[in-house]
Amino acid sequence: MIDLVGKRHIWYLISAIAIIPGLISLAVNGLNQGIDFTGGTSWEVELRQEVTTEEVRAILDDNGFPDSVVQISDGNVVIIRMKELTEGSEAKIAIESDFREAFGEFVELDFETVGPTVGAEIRNRAIIAVLLASLGVLSYIAYAFRKTQSPLRYGTCAIIAMLHDIVFVLGVFSILGWVADVEIDALFVTAILTIMGFSVHDTIVVFDRIRENLERHAAPTFEETVNYSVGQTMVRSLNTSVTVVLTLLALYLFGGESTRWFVFALLVGVIAGTYSSIFNASQLLVSWENGEIARFFRFGSGSKPRAKTAS
C-alpha cells in the first residue's frame, strides 16, 4: 500500500503553495463584491448587433456612470453593473435612448436594483451563515465520534480541511476579480455553503473508516491505521468526485451565463475538497497524534515522537 501518511509534509506543502497566492490577493485586493453586497444595479440587455465594451462604456460615461462594469456575452448580450439606477428615472430613459440611437432597438433581459443597506445586510447574514455552519459541523462530528479518545480532534481537523477549501476558493475568486473583473454575489455564498457540505461529507467517510479500523486494531500504530483507512476510501472518494466534476464541467461549458461563476466556484471547491479530505484532514490527525502540531507552535518538548499504538 502506498505510504500517503508518511508523505504528509509534501501534501501540506502543496496546499500551502495552492492557497498562499490567494491569501496574498485577498489581503491586497480583497473580493470584488457584486451589487448583492455593495448595492447598485444589474442591467442585462440584448442588442441586435455585436458591440464592444468600449462602445457601451462610452454611453454610460456620457450619462454619469463612469465606474460601471460592462461584460459582453455572445457578442450582443450586454451585462452592466453600475451604481443604483431607478426604473423609469430620467437617467435610465436617457441611457436607453442613447442605446437605441447607437445600436438600434434592444430587448431588456433583466433589471435588478439593490440598495446599499440591503447589500450590507446580505453580506452580514452570509458571514453568520458560514460561521453557524462551521459550528454545526464541529458539533456534529464531535458527537458522531464521541466514542473515540479525542472526538473534538476529529471535528477540529475536519474544520481545518474545510477552511482550506473555502480559503482556496476565496483566493481564486479574489485573483479572478483582480485580473478578470469577476464579481461575487449571493449565489457565491450558496456555492461556499455547498462546498462546505461536500468537504465535510468526504472527510467523514475517511474518519469513519479510521474509527472502524481502530476498533478492530487493523494496524499496529495509529499512523499505519490512518494510512490503511485512507487507502481503503481513496478510490471511492475519487470516483465520486470525478462524477461531480464532469457534471459541473458540462454545466460550466454549456450552461447559462448567469450561473457560470456559481458553477465554477463549485467546480474549484469540489476539487479542493477531494484533495483536503484525502491529503489534509486525515494527515492532520496523525500530525496531532504525534505531537507535530504542538511542536510547530512550540508547545511541545521538541523530542522526537514515538510511534502511537492504535487504540
Protein backbone atom coordinates (compact mmCIF):
# COMPACT_ATOMS: atom_id res chain seq x y z
CA MET A 1 0.00 0.00 0.00
CA ILE A 2 1.24 3.49 -0.83
CA ASP A 3 2.50 5.37 2.23
CA LEU A 4 0.36 8.51 1.83
CA VAL A 5 0.53 9.48 5.50
CA GLY A 6 4.32 9.24 5.56
CA LYS A 7 4.45 11.90 2.86
CA ARG A 8 2.07 14.23 4.70
CA HIS A 9 4.53 17.13 4.77
CA ILE A 10 4.58 17.10 0.97
CA TRP A 11 0.77 17.33 0.92
CA TYR A 12 0.89 20.22 3.40
CA LEU A 13 3.41 21.99 1.16
CA ILE A 14 1.22 21.54 -1.92
CA SER A 15 -1.74 23.02 -0.01
CA ALA A 16 0.36 25.98 1.09
CA ILE A 17 1.55 26.63 -2.46
CA ALA A 18 -2.08 26.50 -3.65
CA ILE A 19 -3.59 28.87 -1.09
CA ILE A 20 -0.80 31.41 -0.43
CA PRO A 21 -1.24 33.34 -3.73
CA GLY A 22 -4.97 33.62 -2.98
CA LEU A 23 -4.29 34.79 0.58
CA ILE A 24 -1.96 37.48 -0.74
CA SER A 25 -4.60 38.58 -3.25
CA LEU A 26 -7.27 38.62 -0.52
CA ALA A 27 -5.04 40.77 1.70
CA VAL A 28 -4.14 43.19 -1.10
CA ASN A 29 -7.24 43.25 -3.32
CA GLY A 30 -10.00 41.63 -1.27
CA LEU A 31 -13.03 40.28 -3.11
CA ASN A 32 -14.72 42.07 -5.98
CA GLN A 33 -18.19 42.25 -4.44
CA GLY A 34 -21.23 42.49 -6.68
CA ILE A 35 -24.34 44.57 -6.13
CA ASP A 36 -25.82 41.90 -3.86
CA PHE A 37 -23.32 43.04 -1.23
CA THR A 38 -22.49 46.63 -2.12
CA GLY A 39 -25.81 47.84 -3.55
CA GLY A 40 -26.35 49.04 -7.11
CA THR A 41 -27.99 47.94 -10.33
CA SER A 42 -27.52 44.95 -12.60
CA TRP A 43 -28.86 45.53 -16.12
CA GLU A 44 -28.83 42.98 -18.92
CA VAL A 45 -29.90 43.84 -22.46
CA GLU A 46 -29.79 42.04 -25.80
CA LEU A 47 -28.88 44.18 -28.79
CA ARG A 48 -29.47 43.48 -32.47
CA GLN A 49 -25.81 43.85 -33.37
CA GLU A 50 -22.47 42.96 -31.89
CA VAL A 51 -20.87 45.68 -29.76
CA THR A 52 -17.70 46.23 -27.76
CA THR A 53 -17.39 47.12 -24.09
CA GLU A 54 -15.78 50.43 -25.08
CA GLU A 55 -18.85 51.47 -27.10
CA VAL A 56 -21.23 50.69 -24.24
CA ARG A 57 -18.98 52.25 -21.62
CA ALA A 58 -18.75 55.47 -23.64
CA ILE A 59 -22.55 55.89 -23.45
CA LEU A 60 -22.54 55.17 -19.71
CA ASP A 61 -19.73 57.68 -19.16
CA ASP A 62 -21.67 60.38 -21.02
CA ASN A 63 -24.68 59.77 -18.77
CA GLY A 64 -22.82 59.99 -15.46
CA PHE A 65 -21.96 56.33 -14.78
CA PRO A 66 -18.19 56.22 -15.37
CA ASP A 67 -17.41 53.39 -12.92
CA SER A 68 -19.78 50.85 -14.44
CA VAL A 69 -18.64 47.29 -15.16
CA VAL A 70 -19.57 46.09 -18.65
CA GLN A 71 -19.46 42.50 -19.87
CA ILE A 72 -20.33 41.22 -23.34
CA SER A 73 -21.77 37.73 -23.86
CA ASP A 74 -22.33 36.12 -27.28
CA GLY A 75 -21.34 39.39 -28.94
CA ASN A 76 -24.62 41.22 -28.42
CA VAL A 77 -25.79 40.50 -24.85
CA VAL A 78 -24.59 43.30 -22.58
CA ILE A 79 -24.39 42.89 -18.79
CA ILE A 80 -23.93 46.16 -16.92
CA ARG A 81 -23.22 46.56 -13.19
CA MET A 82 -23.47 50.15 -12.08
CA LYS A 83 -24.36 52.40 -9.19
CA GLU A 84 -28.03 52.49 -8.27
CA LEU A 85 -30.31 53.30 -11.20
CA THR A 86 -34.06 53.58 -10.66
CA GLU A 87 -36.58 52.08 -13.06
CA GLY A 88 -38.31 54.84 -15.03
CA SER A 89 -35.82 57.51 -13.95
CA GLU A 90 -34.61 60.21 -16.32
CA ALA A 91 -31.11 58.71 -16.25
CA LYS A 92 -32.36 55.28 -17.34
CA ILE A 93 -34.55 56.79 -20.08
CA ALA A 94 -31.57 58.79 -21.36
CA ILE A 95 -29.31 55.71 -21.48
CA GLU A 96 -32.00 53.70 -23.29
CA SER A 97 -32.38 56.49 -25.82
CA ASP A 98 -28.63 56.58 -26.45
CA PHE A 99 -28.58 52.79 -26.81
CA ARG A 100 -31.32 52.91 -29.45
CA GLU A 101 -29.56 55.73 -31.31
CA ALA A 102 -26.22 53.91 -31.33
CA PHE A 103 -27.27 50.25 -31.65
CA GLY A 104 -30.93 50.21 -32.68
CA GLU A 105 -33.76 48.53 -30.77
CA PHE A 106 -32.87 46.20 -27.90
CA VAL A 107 -34.56 43.78 -25.50
CA GLU A 108 -34.21 44.21 -21.75
CA LEU A 109 -33.50 40.75 -20.32
CA ASP A 110 -33.04 41.69 -16.66
CA PHE A 111 -33.04 44.77 -14.48
CA GLU A 112 -32.33 44.48 -10.75
CA THR A 113 -31.55 47.15 -8.18
CA VAL A 114 -30.32 46.51 -4.63
CA GLY A 115 -29.96 49.30 -2.08
CA PRO A 116 -26.72 49.61 -0.06
CA THR A 117 -28.50 48.81 3.22
CA VAL A 118 -29.90 45.57 1.82
CA GLY A 119 -26.48 44.71 0.37
CA ALA A 120 -24.77 45.15 3.76
CA GLU A 121 -27.45 43.01 5.42
CA ILE A 122 -26.94 40.21 2.87
CA ARG A 123 -23.17 40.33 3.44
CA ASN A 124 -23.56 40.14 7.23
CA ARG A 125 -26.02 37.27 7.00
CA ALA A 126 -23.69 35.40 4.66
CA ILE A 127 -20.86 35.64 7.20
CA ILE A 128 -23.15 34.47 10.01
CA ALA A 129 -24.37 31.55 7.89
CA VAL A 130 -20.80 30.35 7.28
CA LEU A 131 -19.90 30.67 10.98
CA LEU A 132 -23.02 28.81 12.12
CA ALA A 133 -22.41 26.07 9.56
CA SER A 134 -18.84 25.65 10.83
CA LEU A 135 -20.05 25.42 14.42
CA GLY A 136 -22.69 22.89 13.40
CA VAL A 137 -20.10 20.75 11.61
CA LEU A 138 -17.78 20.78 14.64
CA SER A 139 -20.61 19.82 17.00
CA TYR A 140 -21.90 17.04 14.74
CA ILE A 141 -18.51 15.41 14.21
CA ALA A 142 -17.66 15.68 17.91
CA TYR A 143 -20.94 13.87 18.68
CA ALA A 144 -20.59 11.28 15.92
CA PHE A 145 -17.08 10.37 17.11
CA ARG A 146 -17.83 10.70 20.83
CA LYS A 147 -16.71 7.12 21.50
CA THR A 148 -13.17 7.81 20.28
CA GLN A 149 -10.43 9.06 22.57
CA SER A 150 -10.44 12.61 21.15
CA PRO A 151 -13.77 13.45 19.45
CA LEU A 152 -13.00 17.19 19.27
CA ARG A 153 -9.77 16.39 17.47
CA TYR A 154 -11.70 14.82 14.60
CA GLY A 155 -14.05 17.80 14.43
CA THR A 156 -11.20 20.31 14.50
CA CYS A 157 -9.28 18.53 11.73
CA ALA A 158 -12.44 18.43 9.59
CA ILE A 159 -12.96 22.17 10.16
CA ILE A 160 -9.35 22.94 9.21
CA ALA A 161 -9.70 20.93 6.00
CA MET A 162 -12.99 22.68 5.26
CA LEU A 163 -11.42 26.10 5.84
CA HIS A 164 -8.62 25.08 3.48
CA ASP A 165 -11.23 24.58 0.74
CA ILE A 166 -13.06 27.83 1.48
CA VAL A 167 -9.87 29.89 1.58
CA PHE A 168 -8.72 28.34 -1.69
CA VAL A 169 -12.00 29.22 -3.44
CA LEU A 170 -11.99 32.75 -1.98
CA GLY A 171 -8.41 33.21 -3.13
CA VAL A 172 -9.20 32.04 -6.65
CA PHE A 173 -12.10 34.48 -6.90
CA SER A 174 -10.02 37.29 -5.44
CA ILE A 175 -7.45 36.74 -8.19
CA LEU A 176 -10.20 36.48 -10.83
CA GLY A 177 -11.73 39.71 -9.54
CA TRP A 178 -8.37 41.40 -9.95
CA VAL A 179 -7.41 40.07 -13.39
CA ALA A 180 -10.83 39.44 -15.00
CA ASP A 181 -13.21 41.70 -13.03
CA VAL A 182 -15.23 38.70 -11.76
CA GLU A 183 -17.70 39.66 -9.04
CA ILE A 184 -19.14 37.56 -6.22
CA ASP A 185 -22.86 37.62 -5.49
CA ALA A 186 -25.43 35.84 -3.33
CA LEU A 187 -25.06 32.68 -5.45
CA PHE A 188 -21.40 32.61 -4.45
CA VAL A 189 -22.44 32.26 -0.80
CA THR A 190 -24.64 29.32 -1.80
CA ALA A 191 -21.64 27.77 -3.55
CA ILE A 192 -19.47 28.22 -0.44
CA LEU A 193 -22.05 26.53 1.80
CA THR A 194 -22.38 23.67 -0.71
CA ILE A 195 -18.60 23.25 -0.81
CA MET A 196 -18.55 23.10 2.99
CA GLY A 197 -21.08 20.29 2.95
CA PHE A 198 -19.22 18.33 0.26
CA SER A 199 -15.88 18.73 2.02
CA VAL A 200 -17.19 17.56 5.38
CA HIS A 201 -19.11 14.66 3.83
CA ASP A 202 -15.98 13.35 2.15
CA THR A 203 -13.92 13.83 5.31
CA ILE A 204 -16.44 11.97 7.49
CA VAL A 205 -16.24 8.94 5.18
CA VAL A 206 -12.48 8.76 5.76
CA PHE A 207 -12.77 9.42 9.51
CA ASP A 208 -15.45 6.78 9.91
CA ARG A 209 -13.21 4.17 8.30
CA ILE A 210 -10.37 5.23 10.63
CA ARG A 211 -12.66 4.73 13.61
CA GLU A 212 -13.71 1.26 12.40
CA ASN A 213 -10.11 0.20 11.82
CA LEU A 214 -9.04 1.49 15.23
CA GLU A 215 -11.77 -0.55 16.91
CA ARG A 216 -10.64 -3.78 15.23
CA HIS A 217 -6.90 -2.98 15.52
CA ALA A 218 -6.31 -3.21 11.77
CA ALA A 219 -2.71 -1.96 12.11
CA PRO A 220 -0.16 -1.78 14.94
CA THR A 221 0.19 2.01 15.08
CA PHE A 222 -2.18 4.96 14.68
CA GLU A 223 -0.25 6.26 11.67
CA GLU A 224 -0.45 2.92 9.87
CA THR A 225 -4.15 2.64 10.70
CA VAL A 226 -4.84 6.04 9.17
CA ASN A 227 -2.80 5.19 6.08
CA TYR A 228 -4.67 1.90 5.69
CA SER A 229 -8.03 3.69 6.07
CA VAL A 230 -7.16 6.38 3.53
CA GLY A 231 -6.12 3.73 1.04
CA GLN A 232 -9.45 1.92 1.50
CA THR A 233 -11.56 5.04 0.89
CA MET A 234 -9.46 6.92 -1.68
CA VAL A 235 -10.82 5.16 -4.78
CA ARG A 236 -14.42 5.73 -3.64
CA SER A 237 -13.75 9.41 -2.96
CA LEU A 238 -12.04 9.91 -6.32
CA ASN A 239 -14.80 8.14 -8.24
CA THR A 240 -17.49 10.25 -6.56
CA SER A 241 -15.58 13.47 -7.14
CA VAL A 242 -14.80 12.73 -10.79
CA THR A 243 -18.51 12.17 -11.45
CA VAL A 244 -19.39 15.51 -9.84
CA VAL A 245 -16.55 17.33 -11.59
CA LEU A 246 -17.59 16.06 -15.02
CA THR A 247 -21.18 17.18 -14.41
CA LEU A 248 -20.09 20.62 -13.23
CA LEU A 249 -17.68 20.96 -16.14
CA ALA A 250 -20.51 20.30 -18.58
CA LEU A 251 -22.67 22.91 -16.84
CA TYR A 252 -19.80 25.41 -16.91
CA LEU A 253 -19.08 24.90 -20.60
CA PHE A 254 -22.66 24.70 -21.88
CA GLY A 255 -24.75 26.33 -19.14
CA GLY A 256 -26.10 29.86 -19.00
CA GLU A 257 -24.05 32.96 -18.37
CA SER A 258 -25.93 33.81 -15.16
CA THR A 259 -24.76 30.65 -13.38
CA ARG A 260 -21.31 30.32 -14.93
CA TRP A 261 -19.31 31.60 -11.96
CA PHE A 262 -21.54 29.79 -9.47
CA VAL A 263 -20.74 26.51 -11.23
CA PHE A 264 -17.06 27.45 -11.46
CA ALA A 265 -16.94 28.03 -7.70
CA LEU A 266 -18.48 24.60 -7.12
CA LEU A 267 -16.01 23.04 -9.56
CA VAL A 268 -12.99 24.54 -7.81
CA GLY A 269 -14.42 23.74 -4.38
CA VAL A 270 -15.13 20.08 -5.16
CA ILE A 271 -11.59 19.56 -6.43
CA ALA A 272 -10.14 21.27 -3.35
CA GLY A 273 -12.49 19.32 -1.06
CA THR A 274 -11.45 15.99 -2.54
CA TYR A 275 -7.79 16.85 -2.07
CA SER A 276 -8.21 18.07 1.51
CA SER A 277 -10.25 15.04 2.59
CA ILE A 278 -7.58 12.62 1.41
CA PHE A 279 -4.36 14.57 1.86
CA ASN A 280 -5.07 17.04 4.68
CA ALA A 281 -7.79 16.06 7.16
CA SER A 282 -6.59 12.54 7.98
CA GLN A 283 -2.93 13.60 7.83
CA LEU A 284 -3.65 16.31 10.41
CA LEU A 285 -4.95 13.62 12.77
CA VAL A 286 -1.59 11.88 12.56
CA SER A 287 0.37 15.12 12.99
CA TRP A 288 -1.72 15.95 16.05
CA GLU A 289 -1.36 12.44 17.48
CA ASN A 290 2.42 12.52 17.00
CA GLY A 291 2.77 15.96 18.60
CA GLU A 292 3.94 17.67 15.39
CA ILE A 293 1.34 20.44 15.64
CA ALA A 294 2.32 21.18 19.24
CA ARG A 295 5.99 21.40 18.31
CA PHE A 296 5.17 23.62 15.34
CA PHE A 297 3.64 26.14 17.74
CA ARG A 298 6.43 25.49 20.26
CA PHE A 299 4.13 23.96 22.82
CA GLY A 300 5.80 20.55 22.69
CA SER A 301 9.01 19.35 24.28
CA GLY A 302 10.80 19.15 20.93
CA SER A 303 11.64 15.48 21.35
CA LYS A 304 11.06 13.03 18.56
CA PRO A 305 7.59 11.44 18.86
CA ARG A 306 7.29 7.73 19.47
CA ALA A 307 5.00 5.66 17.27
CA LYS A 308 1.47 5.63 18.70
CA THR A 309 -0.16 2.26 19.08
CA ALA A 310 -3.64 2.01 17.60
CA SER A 311 -6.34 2.18 20.22
